[in-house]
Amino acid sequence: GVVDRLSDTAQNALINITTIFLGLSVGSKLVADKFLDVNTLGILGLG
């Protein structure tokens, strides 16, 4: 209750900004020549 500004930043602006770059970064690994192999499909199945 004494750092409301920090808490608000952590649960709004900061996590939202990080989510944008995190999502784009995860999407970058969907590139065909790396993603479409047996081990990757095995990981998806095990997941």
All heavy atoms as atom14 arrays in JSON, in Angstrom:
{
  "sequence": "GVVDRLSDTAQNALINITTIFLGLSVGSKLVADKFLDVNTLGILGLG",
  "atom14_mask": [
    [1, 1, 1, 1, 0, 0, 0, 0, 0, 0, 0, 0, 0, 0],
    [1, 1, 1, 1, 1, 1, 1, 0, 0, 0, 0, 0, 0, 0],
    [1, 1, 1, 1, 1, 1, 1, 0, 0, 0, 0, 0, 0, 0],
    [1, 1, 1, 1, 1, 1, 1, 1, 0, 0, 0, 0, 0, 0],
    [1, 1, 1, 1, 1, 1, 1, 1, 1, 1, 1, 0, 0, 0],
    [1, 1, 1, 1, 1, 1, 1, 1, 0, 0, 0, 0, 0, 0],
    [1, 1, 1, 1, 1, 1, 0, 0, 0, 0, 0, 0, 0, 0],
    [1, 1, 1, 1, 1, 1, 1, 1, 0, 0, 0, 0, 0, 0],
    [1, 1, 1, 1, 1, 1, 1, 0, 0, 0, 0, 0, 0, 0],
    [1, 1, 1, 1, 1, 0, 0, 0, 0, 0, 0, 0, 0, 0],
    [1, 1, 1, 1, 1, 1, 1, 1, 1, 0, 0, 0, 0, 0],
    [1, 1, 1, 1, 1, 1, 1, 1, 0, 0, 0, 0, 0, 0],
    [1, 1, 1, 1, 1, 0, 0, 0, 0, 0, 0, 0, 0, 0],
    [1, 1, 1, 1, 1, 1, 1, 1, 0, 0, 0, 0, 0, 0],
    [1, 1, 1, 1, 1, 1, 1, 1, 0, 0, 0, 0, 0, 0],
    [1, 1, 1, 1, 1, 1, 1, 1, 0, 0, 0, 0, 0, 0],
    [1, 1, 1, 1, 1, 1, 1, 1, 0, 0, 0, 0, 0, 0],
    [1, 1, 1, 1, 1, 1, 1, 0, 0, 0, 0, 0, 0, 0],
    [1, 1, 1, 1, 1, 1, 1, 0, 0, 0, 0, 0, 0, 0],
    [1, 1, 1, 1, 1, 1, 1, 1, 0, 0, 0, 0, 0, 0],
    [1, 1, 1, 1, 1, 1, 1, 1, 1, 1, 1, 0, 0, 0],
    [1, 1, 1, 1, 1, 1, 1, 1, 0, 0, 0, 0, 0, 0],
    [1, 1, 1, 1, 0, 0, 0, 0, 0, 0, 0, 0, 0, 0],
    [1, 1, 1, 1, 1, 1, 1, 1, 0, 0, 0, 0, 0, 0],
    [1, 1, 1, 1, 1, 1, 0, 0, 0, 0, 0, 0, 0, 0],
    [1, 1, 1, 1, 1, 1, 1, 0, 0, 0, 0, 0, 0, 0],
    [1, 1, 1, 1, 0, 0, 0, 0, 0, 0, 0, 0, 0, 0],
    [1, 1, 1, 1, 1, 1, 0, 0, 0, 0, 0, 0, 0, 0],
    [1, 1, 1, 1, 1, 1, 1, 1, 1, 0, 0, 0, 0, 0],
    [1, 1, 1, 1, 1, 1, 1, 1, 0, 0, 0, 0, 0, 0],
    [1, 1, 1, 1, 1, 1, 1, 0, 0, 0, 0, 0, 0, 0],
    [1, 1, 1, 1, 1, 0, 0, 0, 0, 0, 0, 0, 0, 0],
    [1, 1, 1, 1, 1, 1, 1, 1, 0, 0, 0, 0, 0, 0],
    [1, 1, 1, 1, 1, 1, 1, 1, 1, 0, 0, 0, 0, 0],
    [1, 1, 1, 1, 1, 1, 1, 1, 1, 1, 1, 0, 0, 0],
    [1, 1, 1, 1, 1, 1, 1, 1, 0, 0, 0, 0, 0, 0],
    [1, 1, 1, 1, 1, 1, 1, 1, 0, 0, 0, 0, 0, 0],
    [1, 1, 1, 1, 1, 1, 1, 0, 0, 0, 0, 0, 0, 0],
    [1, 1, 1, 1, 1, 1, 1, 1, 0, 0, 0, 0, 0, 0],
    [1, 1, 1, 1, 1, 1, 1, 0, 0, 0, 0, 0, 0, 0],
    [1, 1, 1, 1, 1, 1, 1, 1, 0, 0, 0, 0, 0, 0],
    [1, 1, 1, 1, 0, 0, 0, 0, 0, 0, 0, 0, 0, 0],
    [1, 1, 1, 1, 1, 1, 1, 1, 0, 0, 0, 0, 0, 0],
    [1, 1, 1, 1, 1, 1, 1, 1, 0, 0, 0, 0, 0, 0],
    [1, 1, 1, 1, 0, 0, 0, 0, 0, 0, 0, 0, 0, 0],
    [1, 1, 1, 1, 1, 1, 1, 1, 0, 0, 0, 0, 0, 0],
    [1, 1, 1, 1, 0, 0, 0, 0, 0, 0, 0, 0, 0, 0]
  ],
  "atom14_positions": [
    [[0.77, -1.24, 0.0], [0.0, 0.0, 0.0], [0.8, 1.29, 0.0], [0.2, 2.37, 0.09], [0.0, 0.0, 0.0], [0.0, 0.0, 0.0], [0.0, 0.0, 0.0], [0.0, 0.0, 0.0], [0.0, 0.0, 0.0], [0.0, 0.0, 0.0], [0.0, 0.0, 0.0], [0.0, 0.0, 0.0], [0.0, 0.0, 0.0], [0.0, 0.0, 0.0]],
    [[2.13, 1.22, -0.11], [2.94, 2.44, -0.06], [3.66, 2.73, -1.37], [4.34, 3.77, -1.49], [3.96, 2.36, 1.1], [3.24, 2.34, 2.44], [4.89, 1.16, 0.95], [0.0, 0.0, 0.0], [0.0, 0.0, 0.0], [0.0, 0.0, 0.0], [0.0, 0.0, 0.0], [0.0, 0.0, 0.0], [0.0, 0.0, 0.0], [0.0, 0.0, 0.0]],
    [[3.53, 1.84, -2.35], [4.17, 2.05, -3.65], [3.13, 1.81, -4.77], [3.36, 1.06, -5.7], [5.4, 1.14, -3.85], [6.56, 1.6, -2.99], [5.07, -0.32, -3.54], [0.0, 0.0, 0.0], [0.0, 0.0, 0.0], [0.0, 0.0, 0.0], [0.0, 0.0, 0.0], [0.0, 0.0, 0.0], [0.0, 0.0, 0.0], [0.0, 0.0, 0.0]],
    [[2.01, 2.5, -4.65], [0.93, 2.3, -5.61], [1.35, 2.61, -7.04], [0.91, 1.94, -7.98], [-0.28, 3.17, -5.23], [-0.96, 2.68, -3.96], [-0.74, 1.5, -3.58], [-1.69, 3.47, -3.31], [0.0, 0.0, 0.0], [0.0, 0.0, 0.0], [0.0, 0.0, 0.0], [0.0, 0.0, 0.0], [0.0, 0.0, 0.0], [0.0, 0.0, 0.0]],
    [[2.19, 3.62, -7.22], [2.64, 3.98, -8.57], [3.47, 2.84, -9.18], [3.31, 2.5, -10.35], [3.46, 5.27, -8.55], [2.62, 6.52, -8.29], [3.49, 7.72, -8.03], [4.45, 7.96, -9.11], [5.46, 8.83, -9.03], [5.64, 9.53, -7.91], [6.27, 9.0, -10.05], [0.0, 0.0, 0.0], [0.0, 0.0, 0.0], [0.0, 0.0, 0.0]],
    [[4.35, 2.25, -8.38], [5.16, 1.13, -8.88], [4.29, -0.08, -9.18], [4.47, -0.76, -10.2], [6.23, 0.76, -7.85], [7.26, 1.85, -7.49], [8.29, 1.28, -6.52], [7.93, 2.4, -8.73], [0.0, 0.0, 0.0], [0.0, 0.0, 0.0], [0.0, 0.0, 0.0], [0.0, 0.0, 0.0], [0.0, 0.0, 0.0], [0.0, 0.0, 0.0]],
    [[3.34, -0.35, -8.3], [2.42, -1.47, -8.5], [1.6, -1.29, -9.77], [1.42, -2.21, -10.56], [1.51, -1.63, -7.29], [0.56, -2.66, -7.5], [0.0, 0.0, 0.0], [0.0, 0.0, 0.0], [0.0, 0.0, 0.0], [0.0, 0.0, 0.0], [0.0, 0.0, 0.0], [0.0, 0.0, 0.0], [0.0, 0.0, 0.0], [0.0, 0.0, 0.0]],
    [[1.09, -0.07, -9.95], [0.3, 0.23, -11.15], [1.12, 0.05, -12.42], [0.64, -0.49, -13.42], [-0.25, 1.65, -11.06], [-1.09, 2.02, -12.27], [-2.19, 1.46, -12.44], [-0.63, 2.86, -13.07], [0.0, 0.0, 0.0], [0.0, 0.0, 0.0], [0.0, 0.0, 0.0], [0.0, 0.0, 0.0], [0.0, 0.0, 0.0], [0.0, 0.0, 0.0]],
    [[2.37, 0.5, -12.39], [3.25, 0.35, -13.55], [3.52, -1.12, -13.85], [3.48, -1.56, -15.01], [4.59, 1.08, -13.32], [4.34, 2.47, -13.12], [5.52, 0.9, -14.51], [0.0, 0.0, 0.0], [0.0, 0.0, 0.0], [0.0, 0.0, 0.0], [0.0, 0.0, 0.0], [0.0, 0.0, 0.0], [0.0, 0.0, 0.0], [0.0, 0.0, 0.0]],
    [[3.8, -1.89, -12.81], [4.11, -3.31, -12.98], [2.95, -4.09, -13.56], [3.14, -4.97, -14.41], [4.55, -3.93, -11.66], [0.0, 0.0, 0.0], [0.0, 0.0, 0.0], [0.0, 0.0, 0.0], [0.0, 0.0, 0.0], [0.0, 0.0, 0.0], [0.0, 0.0, 0.0], [0.0, 0.0, 0.0], [0.0, 0.0, 0.0], [0.0, 0.0, 0.0]],
    [[1.72, -3.8, -13.12], [0.56, -4.58, -13.56], [-0.14, -4.0, -14.78], [-1.1, -4.6, -15.27], [-0.44, -4.74, -12.43], [-1.03, -3.48, -11.86], [-1.91, -3.75, -10.66], [-3.03, -4.21, -10.81], [-1.43, -3.48, -9.47], [0.0, 0.0, 0.0], [0.0, 0.0, 0.0], [0.0, 0.0, 0.0], [0.0, 0.0, 0.0], [0.0, 0.0, 0.0]],
    [[0.35, -2.87, -15.29], [-0.27, -2.28, -16.48], [0.77, -1.99, -17.57], [1.02, -2.83, -18.43], [-1.03, -1.0, -16.1], [-2.29, -1.32, -15.3], [-3.25, -1.87, -15.83], [-2.31, -0.96, -14.02], [0.0, 0.0, 0.0], [0.0, 0.0, 0.0], [0.0, 0.0, 0.0], [0.0, 0.0, 0.0], [0.0, 0.0, 0.0], [0.0, 0.0, 0.0]],
    [[1.37, -0.8, -17.52], [2.25, -0.38, -18.62], [3.41, -1.33, -18.86], [3.68, -1.75, -19.99], [2.77, 1.03, -18.34], [0.0, 0.0, 0.0], [0.0, 0.0, 0.0], [0.0, 0.0, 0.0], [0.0, 0.0, 0.0], [0.0, 0.0, 0.0], [0.0, 0.0, 0.0], [0.0, 0.0, 0.0], [0.0, 0.0, 0.0], [0.0, 0.0, 0.0]],
    [[4.11, -1.71, -17.79], [5.32, -2.51, -17.95], [5.01, -3.91, -18.48], [5.68, -4.39, -19.41], [6.07, -2.6, -16.62], [7.43, -3.31, -16.64], [8.36, -2.64, -17.64], [8.06, -3.31, -15.25], [0.0, 0.0, 0.0], [0.0, 0.0, 0.0], [0.0, 0.0, 0.0], [0.0, 0.0, 0.0], [0.0, 0.0, 0.0], [0.0, 0.0, 0.0]],
    [[4.01, -4.58, -17.9], [3.69, -5.93, -18.35], [3.11, -5.9, -19.76], [3.33, -6.81, -20.55], [2.75, -6.64, -17.36], [2.73, -8.15, -17.64], [1.34, -6.07, -17.4], [1.98, -8.95, -16.59], [0.0, 0.0, 0.0], [0.0, 0.0, 0.0], [0.0, 0.0, 0.0], [0.0, 0.0, 0.0], [0.0, 0.0, 0.0], [0.0, 0.0, 0.0]],
    [[2.37, -4.84, -20.11], [1.82, -4.74, -21.45], [2.91, -4.56, -22.5], [2.89, -5.19, -23.56], [0.82, -3.58, -21.53], [-0.48, -3.87, -20.79], [-0.81, -5.03, -20.55], [-1.2, -2.83, -20.42], [0.0, 0.0, 0.0], [0.0, 0.0, 0.0], [0.0, 0.0, 0.0], [0.0, 0.0, 0.0], [0.0, 0.0, 0.0], [0.0, 0.0, 0.0]],
    [[3.86, -3.69, -22.21], [4.98, -3.47, -23.13], [5.79, -4.76, -23.31], [6.13, -5.16, -24.43], [5.89, -2.33, -22.63], [5.16, -0.99, -22.7], [7.18, -2.27, -23.44], [5.87, 0.14, -21.98], [0.0, 0.0, 0.0], [0.0, 0.0, 0.0], [0.0, 0.0, 0.0], [0.0, 0.0, 0.0], [0.0, 0.0, 0.0], [0.0, 0.0, 0.0]],
    [[6.06, -5.42, -22.2], [6.82, -6.67, -22.25], [6.08, -7.74, -23.03], [6.68, -8.51, -23.79], [7.14, -7.16, -20.83], [7.77, -6.13, -20.08], [8.07, -8.37, -20.87], [0.0, 0.0, 0.0], [0.0, 0.0, 0.0], [0.0, 0.0, 0.0], [0.0, 0.0, 0.0], [0.0, 0.0, 0.0], [0.0, 0.0, 0.0], [0.0, 0.0, 0.0]],
    [[4.74, -7.8, -22.86], [3.93, -8.79, -23.56], [4.0, -8.6, -25.07], [4.04, -9.57, -25.84], [2.47, -8.72, -23.09], [2.41, -9.01, -21.69], [1.6, -9.73, -23.83], [0.0, 0.0, 0.0], [0.0, 0.0, 0.0], [0.0, 0.0, 0.0], [0.0, 0.0, 0.0], [0.0, 0.0, 0.0], [0.0, 0.0, 0.0], [0.0, 0.0, 0.0]],
    [[4.03, -7.34, -25.53], [4.13, -7.07, -26.97], [5.4, -7.68, -27.54], [5.37, -8.44, -28.51], [4.09, -5.55, -27.24], [2.72, -4.98, -26.92], [4.46, -5.26, -28.7], [2.67, -3.46, -26.98], [0.0, 0.0, 0.0], [0.0, 0.0, 0.0], [0.0, 0.0, 0.0], [0.0, 0.0, 0.0], [0.0, 0.0, 0.0], [0.0, 0.0, 0.0]],
    [[6.52, -7.36, -26.92], [7.8, -7.85, -27.44], [7.96, -9.35, -27.22], [8.55, -10.05, -28.05], [8.96, -7.08, -26.8], [9.04, -5.65, -27.25], [8.66, -4.62, -26.41], [9.46, -5.33, -28.52], [8.71, -3.3, -26.82], [9.53, -4.02, -28.96], [9.14, -3.0, -28.1], [0.0, 0.0, 0.0], [0.0, 0.0, 0.0], [0.0, 0.0, 0.0]],
    [[7.43, -9.85, -26.11], [7.48, -11.29, -25.85], [6.67, -12.05, -26.9], [7.13, -13.06, -27.44], [6.96, -11.59, -24.45], [7.08, -13.04, -23.98], [8.52, -13.4, -23.75], [6.3, -13.25, -22.69], [0.0, 0.0, 0.0], [0.0, 0.0, 0.0], [0.0, 0.0, 0.0], [0.0, 0.0, 0.0], [0.0, 0.0, 0.0], [0.0, 0.0, 0.0]],
    [[5.46, -11.56, -27.2], [4.62, -12.23, -28.19], [5.24, -12.23, -29.58], [5.25, -13.25, -30.26], [0.0, 0.0, 0.0], [0.0, 0.0, 0.0], [0.0, 0.0, 0.0], [0.0, 0.0, 0.0], [0.0, 0.0, 0.0], [0.0, 0.0, 0.0], [0.0, 0.0, 0.0], [0.0, 0.0, 0.0], [0.0, 0.0, 0.0], [0.0, 0.0, 0.0]],
    [[5.78, -11.08, -30.0], [6.45, -11.02, -31.3], [7.67, -11.94, -31.34], [7.94, -12.58, -32.36], [6.87, -9.58, -31.6], [5.74, -8.59, -31.93], [6.27, -7.17, -32.0], [5.05, -8.96, -33.25], [0.0, 0.0, 0.0], [0.0, 0.0, 0.0], [0.0, 0.0, 0.0], [0.0, 0.0, 0.0], [0.0, 0.0, 0.0], [0.0, 0.0, 0.0]],
    [[8.39, -12.01, -30.22], [9.58, -12.87, -30.15], [9.2, -14.34, -30.25], [9.87, -15.12, -30.93], [10.34, -12.61, -28.85], [10.74, -11.27, -28.76], [0.0, 0.0, 0.0], [0.0, 0.0, 0.0], [0.0, 0.0, 0.0], [0.0, 0.0, 0.0], [0.0, 0.0, 0.0], [0.0, 0.0, 0.0], [0.0, 0.0, 0.0], [0.0, 0.0, 0.0]],
    [[8.13, -14.73, -29.56], [7.66, -16.11, -29.65], [7.2, -16.41, -31.08], [7.51, -17.46, -31.64], [6.5, -16.35, -28.65], [5.86, -17.72, -28.9], [7.03, -16.29, -27.22], [0.0, 0.0, 0.0], [0.0, 0.0, 0.0], [0.0, 0.0, 0.0], [0.0, 0.0, 0.0], [0.0, 0.0, 0.0], [0.0, 0.0, 0.0], [0.0, 0.0, 0.0]],
    [[6.48, -15.47, -31.68], [6.04, -15.64, -33.06], [7.2, -15.79, -34.04], [7.08, -16.48, -35.05], [0.0, 0.0, 0.0], [0.0, 0.0, 0.0], [0.0, 0.0, 0.0], [0.0, 0.0, 0.0], [0.0, 0.0, 0.0], [0.0, 0.0, 0.0], [0.0, 0.0, 0.0], [0.0, 0.0, 0.0], [0.0, 0.0, 0.0], [0.0, 0.0, 0.0]],
    [[8.33, -15.15, -33.73], [9.49, -15.26, -34.62], [10.0, -16.68, -34.73], [10.68, -17.03, -35.7], [10.62, -14.33, -34.12], [11.26, -14.88, -32.96], [0.0, 0.0, 0.0], [0.0, 0.0, 0.0], [0.0, 0.0, 0.0], [0.0, 0.0, 0.0], [0.0, 0.0, 0.0], [0.0, 0.0, 0.0], [0.0, 0.0, 0.0], [0.0, 0.0, 0.0]],
    [[9.7, -17.51, -33.75], [10.15, -18.89, -33.77], [9.22, -19.82, -34.56], [9.42, -21.03, -34.59], [10.33, -19.41, -32.34], [11.46, -18.7, -31.61], [12.77, -18.83, -32.38], [13.89, -18.03, -31.81], [15.17, -18.19, -32.58], [0.0, 0.0, 0.0], [0.0, 0.0, 0.0], [0.0, 0.0, 0.0], [0.0, 0.0, 0.0], [0.0, 0.0, 0.0]],
    [[8.2, -19.22, -35.16], [7.32, -20.0, -36.04], [7.85, -20.05, -37.47], [7.14, -20.48, -38.37], [5.91, -19.39, -36.05], [5.1, -19.5, -34.76], [3.81, -18.71, -34.84], [4.79, -20.96, -34.45], [0.0, 0.0, 0.0], [0.0, 0.0, 0.0], [0.0, 0.0, 0.0], [0.0, 0.0, 0.0], [0.0, 0.0, 0.0], [0.0, 0.0, 0.0]],
    [[9.07, -19.61, -37.67], [9.67, -19.63, -39.01], [9.74, -21.07, -39.51], [10.12, -21.99, -38.78], [11.06, -18.95, -39.0], [12.04, -19.68, -38.1], [11.59, -18.78, -40.38], [0.0, 0.0, 0.0], [0.0, 0.0, 0.0], [0.0, 0.0, 0.0], [0.0, 0.0, 0.0], [0.0, 0.0, 0.0], [0.0, 0.0, 0.0], [0.0, 0.0, 0.0]],
    [[9.37, -21.28, -40.77], [9.1, -22.62, -41.29], [10.29, -23.57, -41.19], [10.16, -24.71, -40.73], [8.64, -22.52, -42.75], [0.0, 0.0, 0.0], [0.0, 0.0, 0.0], [0.0, 0.0, 0.0], [0.0, 0.0, 0.0], [0.0, 0.0, 0.0], [0.0, 0.0, 0.0], [0.0, 0.0, 0.0], [0.0, 0.0, 0.0], [0.0, 0.0, 0.0]],
    [[11.48, -23.12, -41.61], [12.62, -24.04, -41.69], [13.13, -24.49, -40.32], [13.89, -25.45, -40.23], [13.76, -23.44, -42.51], [14.28, -22.14, -41.92], [13.65, -21.61, -41.0], [15.32, -21.64, -42.41], [0.0, 0.0, 0.0], [0.0, 0.0, 0.0], [0.0, 0.0, 0.0], [0.0, 0.0, 0.0], [0.0, 0.0, 0.0], [0.0, 0.0, 0.0]],
    [[12.72, -23.81, -39.27], [13.12, -24.22, -37.92], [11.99, -24.9, -37.17], [12.22, -25.77, -36.34], [13.61, -23.0, -37.12], [14.87, -22.36, -37.67], [15.27, -21.17, -36.82], [16.53, -20.52, -37.35], [16.94, -19.35, -36.54], [0.0, 0.0, 0.0], [0.0, 0.0, 0.0], [0.0, 0.0, 0.0], [0.0, 0.0, 0.0], [0.0, 0.0, 0.0]],
    [[10.77, -24.5, -37.46], [9.63, -25.0, -36.69], [9.13, -26.34, -37.2], [8.73, -27.19, -36.41], [8.49, -23.97, -36.74], [7.37, -24.25, -35.8], [7.48, -23.93, -34.46], [6.19, -24.83, -36.23], [6.44, -24.2, -33.58], [5.16, -25.09, -35.36], [5.29, -24.77, -34.03], [0.0, 0.0, 0.0], [0.0, 0.0, 0.0], [0.0, 0.0, 0.0]],
    [[9.14, -26.53, -38.5], [8.58, -27.74, -39.08], [9.6, -28.87, -39.13], [10.15, -29.21, -40.16], [8.03, -27.45, -40.5], [6.87, -26.45, -40.57], [6.5, -26.17, -42.01], [5.67, -26.97, -39.79], [0.0, 0.0, 0.0], [0.0, 0.0, 0.0], [0.0, 0.0, 0.0], [0.0, 0.0, 0.0], [0.0, 0.0, 0.0], [0.0, 0.0, 0.0]],
    [[9.89, -29.44, -37.99], [10.73, -30.63, -37.93], [10.16, -31.59, -36.9], [9.24, -31.25, -36.16], [12.21, -30.29, -37.64], [12.41, -29.64, -36.27], [11.72, -30.01, -35.32], [13.27, -28.75, -36.17], [0.0, 0.0, 0.0], [0.0, 0.0, 0.0], [0.0, 0.0, 0.0], [0.0, 0.0, 0.0], [0.0, 0.0, 0.0], [0.0, 0.0, 0.0]],
    [[10.69, -32.79, -36.84], [10.13, -33.85, -36.03], [10.17, -33.5, -34.54], [9.2, -33.7, -33.8], [10.87, -35.18, -36.28], [10.37, -36.27, -35.33], [10.69, -35.63, -37.72], [0.0, 0.0, 0.0], [0.0, 0.0, 0.0], [0.0, 0.0, 0.0], [0.0, 0.0, 0.0], [0.0, 0.0, 0.0], [0.0, 0.0, 0.0], [0.0, 0.0, 0.0]],
    [[11.3, -32.96, -34.09], [11.44, -32.64, -32.67], [10.45, -31.57, -32.23], [9.87, -31.65, -31.14], [12.86, -32.19, -32.37], [13.82, -33.36, -32.21], [13.41, -34.52, -32.17], [15.1, -33.07, -32.13], [0.0, 0.0, 0.0], [0.0, 0.0, 0.0], [0.0, 0.0, 0.0], [0.0, 0.0, 0.0], [0.0, 0.0, 0.0], [0.0, 0.0, 0.0]],
    [[10.24, -30.56, -33.08], [9.29, -29.5, -32.73], [7.88, -30.05, -32.63], [7.14, -29.74, -31.7], [9.35, -28.38, -33.78], [10.65, -27.81, -33.8], [8.33, -27.29, -33.44], [0.0, 0.0, 0.0], [0.0, 0.0, 0.0], [0.0, 0.0, 0.0], [0.0, 0.0, 0.0], [0.0, 0.0, 0.0], [0.0, 0.0, 0.0], [0.0, 0.0, 0.0]],
    [[7.51, -30.87, -33.6], [6.19, -31.48, -33.55], [6.05, -32.4, -32.34], [4.98, -32.48, -31.73], [5.93, -32.25, -34.86], [5.91, -31.38, -36.13], [5.72, -32.25, -37.37], [4.84, -30.31, -36.06], [0.0, 0.0, 0.0], [0.0, 0.0, 0.0], [0.0, 0.0, 0.0], [0.0, 0.0, 0.0], [0.0, 0.0, 0.0], [0.0, 0.0, 0.0]],
    [[7.15, -33.08, -31.98], [7.15, -33.91, -30.78], [6.94, -33.08, -29.52], [6.22, -33.49, -28.6], [0.0, 0.0, 0.0], [0.0, 0.0, 0.0], [0.0, 0.0, 0.0], [0.0, 0.0, 0.0], [0.0, 0.0, 0.0], [0.0, 0.0, 0.0], [0.0, 0.0, 0.0], [0.0, 0.0, 0.0], [0.0, 0.0, 0.0], [0.0, 0.0, 0.0]],
    [[7.57, -31.91, -29.47], [7.41, -31.0, -28.33], [5.97, -30.53, -28.22], [5.39, -30.49, -27.13], [8.37, -29.8, -28.47], [9.81, -30.26, -28.23], [8.01, -28.69, -27.47], [10.85, -29.2, -28.57], [0.0, 0.0, 0.0], [0.0, 0.0, 0.0], [0.0, 0.0, 0.0], [0.0, 0.0, 0.0], [0.0, 0.0, 0.0], [0.0, 0.0, 0.0]],
    [[5.35, -30.18, -29.35], [3.96, -29.77, -29.35], [3.05, -30.89, -28.86], [2.11, -30.66, -28.09], [3.53, -29.32, -30.75], [4.15, -28.01, -31.26], [3.78, -27.78, -32.72], [3.68, -26.84, -30.42], [0.0, 0.0, 0.0], [0.0, 0.0, 0.0], [0.0, 0.0, 0.0], [0.0, 0.0, 0.0], [0.0, 0.0, 0.0], [0.0, 0.0, 0.0]],
    [[3.34, -32.12, -29.32], [2.54, -33.27, -28.89], [2.68, -33.55, -27.4], [1.7, -33.77, -26.7], [0.0, 0.0, 0.0], [0.0, 0.0, 0.0], [0.0, 0.0, 0.0], [0.0, 0.0, 0.0], [0.0, 0.0, 0.0], [0.0, 0.0, 0.0], [0.0, 0.0, 0.0], [0.0, 0.0, 0.0], [0.0, 0.0, 0.0], [0.0, 0.0, 0.0]],
    [[3.93, -33.52, -26.91], [4.17, -33.74, -25.49], [3.55, -32.62, -24.65], [3.05, -32.86, -23.55], [5.67, -33.82, -25.22], [6.38, -35.11, -25.66], [7.89, -34.93, -25.61], [5.95, -36.29, -24.8], [0.0, 0.0, 0.0], [0.0, 0.0, 0.0], [0.0, 0.0, 0.0], [0.0, 0.0, 0.0], [0.0, 0.0, 0.0], [0.0, 0.0, 0.0]],
    [[3.58, -31.41, -25.18], [3.02, -30.27, -24.46], [1.53, -30.41, -24.22], [1.05, -30.16, -23.11], [0.0, 0.0, 0.0], [0.0, 0.0, 0.0], [0.0, 0.0, 0.0], [0.0, 0.0, 0.0], [0.0, 0.0, 0.0], [0.0, 0.0, 0.0], [0.0, 0.0, 0.0], [0.0, 0.0, 0.0], [0.0, 0.0, 0.0], [0.0, 0.0, 0.0]]
  ]
}
